[in-house]
Structure formats: structure tokens, C-alpha cells
Amino acid sequence: MVFIIYSLLIGFGLGEILQLYPSLIFILQLLGSLYIVYLAYKFIRSDKKETDSNNQTFTFKDGVILQMLNPKGWTMLFLMFSTLLDGSFNYNAQIVALVIMLAILNISTHFIWVTAGNHISRWTDNKRIEKMLNYFFSGSLLIVAIWLLLQLELLYGFYYN
């Protein structure tokens, strides 16, 4: 849902504002990378006992924040609209059509992700396997965060030096 909302916002003009103020993009990318580090920390600290006692490790709010600060999501939307809006028919209709197609793609891939997660969760009854998965996911998130921060430093240095 969040992705659809900010897809529409970017399509209808927020992208222009962010192009005028590239420091806002830098701030979003930095916040997104740091939030991914925070999620990696939560994976390491998570425990099956916590989730079994109705204290969910990751909440809907975590997902909303991650979507809003997802630097790759913002980049993908800028590329999508700048590449695919060609003016061959009504500009507003093109934006809505692109957002609908993107929503269908997102729902499809999230369905696959949830299904795979359901199968993986069957393994987490074993405490050792659960811990290994948590370390794997945490490590994966840290690698992505480090990669994003390094890429951010390279881009920031390129634009402002």
C-alpha cells in the first residue's frame, strides 16, 4: 500500500522536487540504509520465545517504514517514470497504468515471498536452525546496508565534488 502511494506521489510530481533538491534523496538513502542495519540487529536479537508470546519481532509499522525509506524502491520509481512515460497518450493515464502494473507485480512477488516464508518457518521449530537463519538474514541485511552506504558515498562524492 505504501509503495502504491509513493509511486503515485513520484509519478505526479514529487520526483521533480527531489531532482531539484538531491540532498533529500541522500537523506532518504542514508536513513534507509541505517534502518536496514537496525533490522539486521533485530534479527540477531530475535528469539522464538518472543514471537511465541505474541511479541512480534517485526511489525506492520516496520514494513511501512522500510518501504518508505527503501532507497532502491525510490531509485526504481525514478527510473520507471523517466523511462516509460513517453507522452504517447494521456500523461495521467500513463502514470496510473504504470502504478497498477507495478502493484500487480508487487502483490505477485510478495505472495511468493510469503509462501516461501511459510515453508521456511516450518524449519524454525529447531532452535539451532532458527538461530542459523537469523544470523543468515541478519548478515544478508548487513551486506546490503554496507553496499548501500558505500554506493551512497560514491554517488554523494561524485555529485558534490
Protein backbone atom coordinates (compact mmCIF):
# COMPACT_ATOMS: atom_id res chain seq x y z
CA MET A 1 0.00 0.00 0.00
CA VAL A 2 2.77 2.43 0.93
CA PHE A 3 4.59 1.61 -2.29
CA ILE A 4 1.49 2.44 -4.35
CA ILE A 5 1.03 5.76 -2.55
CA TYR A 6 4.56 6.95 -3.04
CA SER A 7 4.57 5.61 -6.61
CA LEU A 8 1.67 7.93 -7.31
CA LEU A 9 3.38 10.80 -5.48
CA ILE A 10 6.55 10.41 -7.52
CA GLY A 11 4.61 9.95 -10.74
CA PHE A 12 2.61 13.11 -10.14
CA GLY A 13 5.49 15.39 -9.23
CA LEU A 14 7.43 14.50 -6.10
CA GLY A 15 10.19 13.24 -8.37
CA GLU A 16 10.62 16.76 -9.73
CA ILE A 17 11.03 18.15 -6.21
CA LEU A 18 13.59 15.50 -5.32
CA GLN A 19 15.54 16.25 -8.50
CA LEU A 20 15.67 19.93 -7.50
CA TYR A 21 16.93 19.01 -4.02
CA PRO A 22 19.23 15.98 -4.38
CA SER A 23 20.24 16.30 -0.72
CA LEU A 24 16.76 14.99 0.16
CA ILE A 25 17.49 11.85 -1.86
CA PHE A 26 20.79 11.47 0.00
CA ILE A 27 18.98 11.80 3.34
CA LEU A 28 16.35 9.20 2.32
CA GLN A 29 19.06 6.80 1.17
CA LEU A 30 21.06 7.28 4.37
CA LEU A 31 18.00 6.76 6.58
CA GLY A 32 17.02 3.68 4.57
CA SER A 33 20.48 2.15 4.91
CA LEU A 34 20.59 2.82 8.65
CA TYR A 35 17.12 1.35 9.08
CA ILE A 36 18.30 -1.83 7.34
CA VAL A 37 21.16 -2.02 9.87
CA TYR A 38 18.56 -1.68 12.66
CA LEU A 39 16.51 -4.54 11.16
CA ALA A 40 19.66 -6.69 10.98
CA TYR A 41 20.21 -6.01 14.68
CA LYS A 42 16.61 -7.04 15.40
CA PHE A 43 17.18 -10.34 13.56
CA ILE A 44 20.20 -11.13 15.73
CA ARG A 45 18.28 -10.25 18.89
CA SER A 46 15.09 -12.08 17.92
CA ASP A 47 14.14 -15.25 19.72
CA LYS A 48 11.38 -17.78 19.09
CA LYS A 49 10.15 -17.31 22.68
CA GLU A 50 9.47 -13.63 21.95
CA THR A 51 7.37 -14.35 18.88
CA ASP A 52 5.52 -17.19 20.58
CA SER A 53 4.44 -14.89 23.41
CA ASN A 54 2.69 -12.51 20.95
CA ASN A 55 5.57 -10.03 20.92
CA GLN A 56 6.12 -9.89 17.18
CA THR A 57 9.71 -9.20 16.26
CA PHE A 58 8.79 -7.34 13.08
CA THR A 59 5.61 -5.31 12.92
CA PHE A 60 3.49 -3.85 10.15
CA LYS A 61 4.96 -0.48 11.13
CA ASP A 62 8.46 -1.86 10.46
CA GLY A 63 7.32 -2.83 6.97
CA VAL A 64 5.82 0.60 6.30
CA ILE A 65 8.98 2.38 7.46
CA LEU A 66 11.17 0.05 5.41
CA GLN A 67 9.06 0.69 2.31
CA MET A 68 9.16 4.45 2.82
CA LEU A 69 12.93 4.50 3.30
CA ASN A 70 13.78 1.87 0.69
CA PRO A 71 16.44 3.60 -1.44
CA LYS A 72 16.21 1.00 -4.20
CA GLY A 73 12.44 1.49 -4.35
CA TRP A 74 12.83 5.23 -4.85
CA THR A 75 15.51 4.71 -7.49
CA MET A 76 13.41 2.14 -9.32
CA LEU A 77 10.42 4.50 -9.40
CA PHE A 78 12.50 7.40 -10.74
CA LEU A 79 13.86 5.12 -13.47
CA MET A 80 10.44 3.66 -14.25
CA PHE A 81 8.74 7.00 -14.70
CA SER A 82 11.63 8.70 -16.51
CA THR A 83 11.98 5.78 -18.92
CA LEU A 84 8.39 4.70 -19.54
CA LEU A 85 6.46 7.99 -19.56
CA ASP A 86 6.64 8.80 -23.25
CA GLY A 87 3.60 11.03 -23.79
CA SER A 88 2.12 8.68 -26.39
CA PHE A 89 -1.23 9.08 -24.62
CA ASN A 90 -2.62 10.96 -21.62
CA TYR A 91 0.15 11.58 -19.08
CA ASN A 92 -2.09 10.95 -16.04
CA ALA A 93 -3.43 7.74 -17.56
CA GLN A 94 0.14 6.55 -18.20
CA ILE A 95 1.08 7.18 -14.56
CA VAL A 96 -1.98 5.32 -13.25
CA ALA A 97 -1.39 2.42 -15.68
CA LEU A 98 2.26 2.10 -14.60
CA VAL A 99 1.31 2.18 -10.91
CA ILE A 100 -1.36 -0.50 -11.46
CA MET A 101 1.12 -2.75 -13.28
CA LEU A 102 3.67 -2.17 -10.53
CA ALA A 103 1.06 -3.02 -7.87
CA ILE A 104 0.25 -6.29 -9.65
CA LEU A 105 3.96 -7.12 -9.80
CA ASN A 106 4.41 -6.25 -6.10
CA ILE A 107 1.43 -8.32 -4.99
CA SER A 108 2.66 -11.29 -7.04
CA THR A 109 6.19 -11.15 -5.68
CA HIS A 110 5.00 -10.60 -2.10
CA PHE A 111 2.73 -13.62 -2.42
CA ILE A 112 5.72 -15.72 -3.48
CA TRP A 113 7.79 -14.27 -0.61
CA VAL A 114 5.07 -15.02 1.96
CA THR A 115 4.64 -18.56 0.63
CA ALA A 116 8.40 -19.19 0.78
CA GLY A 117 8.50 -17.69 4.29
CA ASN A 118 5.72 -20.03 5.36
CA HIS A 119 7.76 -23.03 4.20
CA ILE A 120 10.94 -21.73 5.85
CA SER A 121 9.10 -21.09 9.12
CA ARG A 122 8.48 -24.83 9.44
CA TRP A 123 12.22 -25.27 9.96
CA THR A 124 12.39 -22.78 12.80
CA ASP A 125 10.93 -25.22 15.30
CA ASN A 126 14.51 -26.36 15.65
CA LYS A 127 16.27 -23.74 17.82
CA ARG A 128 19.63 -24.26 16.12
CA ILE A 129 18.21 -23.85 12.62
CA GLU A 130 16.24 -20.79 13.73
CA LYS A 131 19.42 -19.19 15.07
CA MET A 132 21.32 -20.01 11.86
CA LEU A 133 18.54 -18.47 9.75
CA ASN A 134 18.52 -15.36 11.94
CA TYR A 135 22.28 -14.96 11.51
CA PHE A 136 21.98 -15.58 7.76
CA PHE A 137 19.20 -12.99 7.35
CA SER A 138 20.98 -10.51 9.61
CA GLY A 139 24.22 -10.96 7.71
CA SER A 140 22.42 -10.54 4.40
CA LEU A 141 20.82 -7.30 5.62
CA LEU A 142 24.18 -6.01 6.86
CA ILE A 143 25.81 -6.77 3.49
CA VAL A 144 23.02 -4.88 1.71
CA ALA A 145 23.29 -1.94 4.15
CA ILE A 146 27.07 -1.74 3.75
CA TRP A 147 26.73 -1.95 -0.03
CA LEU A 148 24.11 0.83 0.01
CA LEU A 149 26.24 3.03 2.27
CA LEU A 150 29.33 2.51 0.08
CA GLN A 151 27.30 3.21 -3.04
CA LEU A 152 25.82 6.27 -1.35
CA GLU A 153 29.30 7.57 -0.50
CA LEU A 154 30.44 7.05 -4.09
CA LEU A 155 27.37 8.80 -5.52
CA TYR A 156 27.49 11.60 -2.97
CA GLY A 157 31.17 12.18 -3.68
CA PHE A 158 30.51 12.10 -7.44
CA TYR A 159 27.72 14.68 -7.33
CA TYR A 160 29.20 17.07 -4.80
CA ASN A 161 32.94 17.05 -5.59
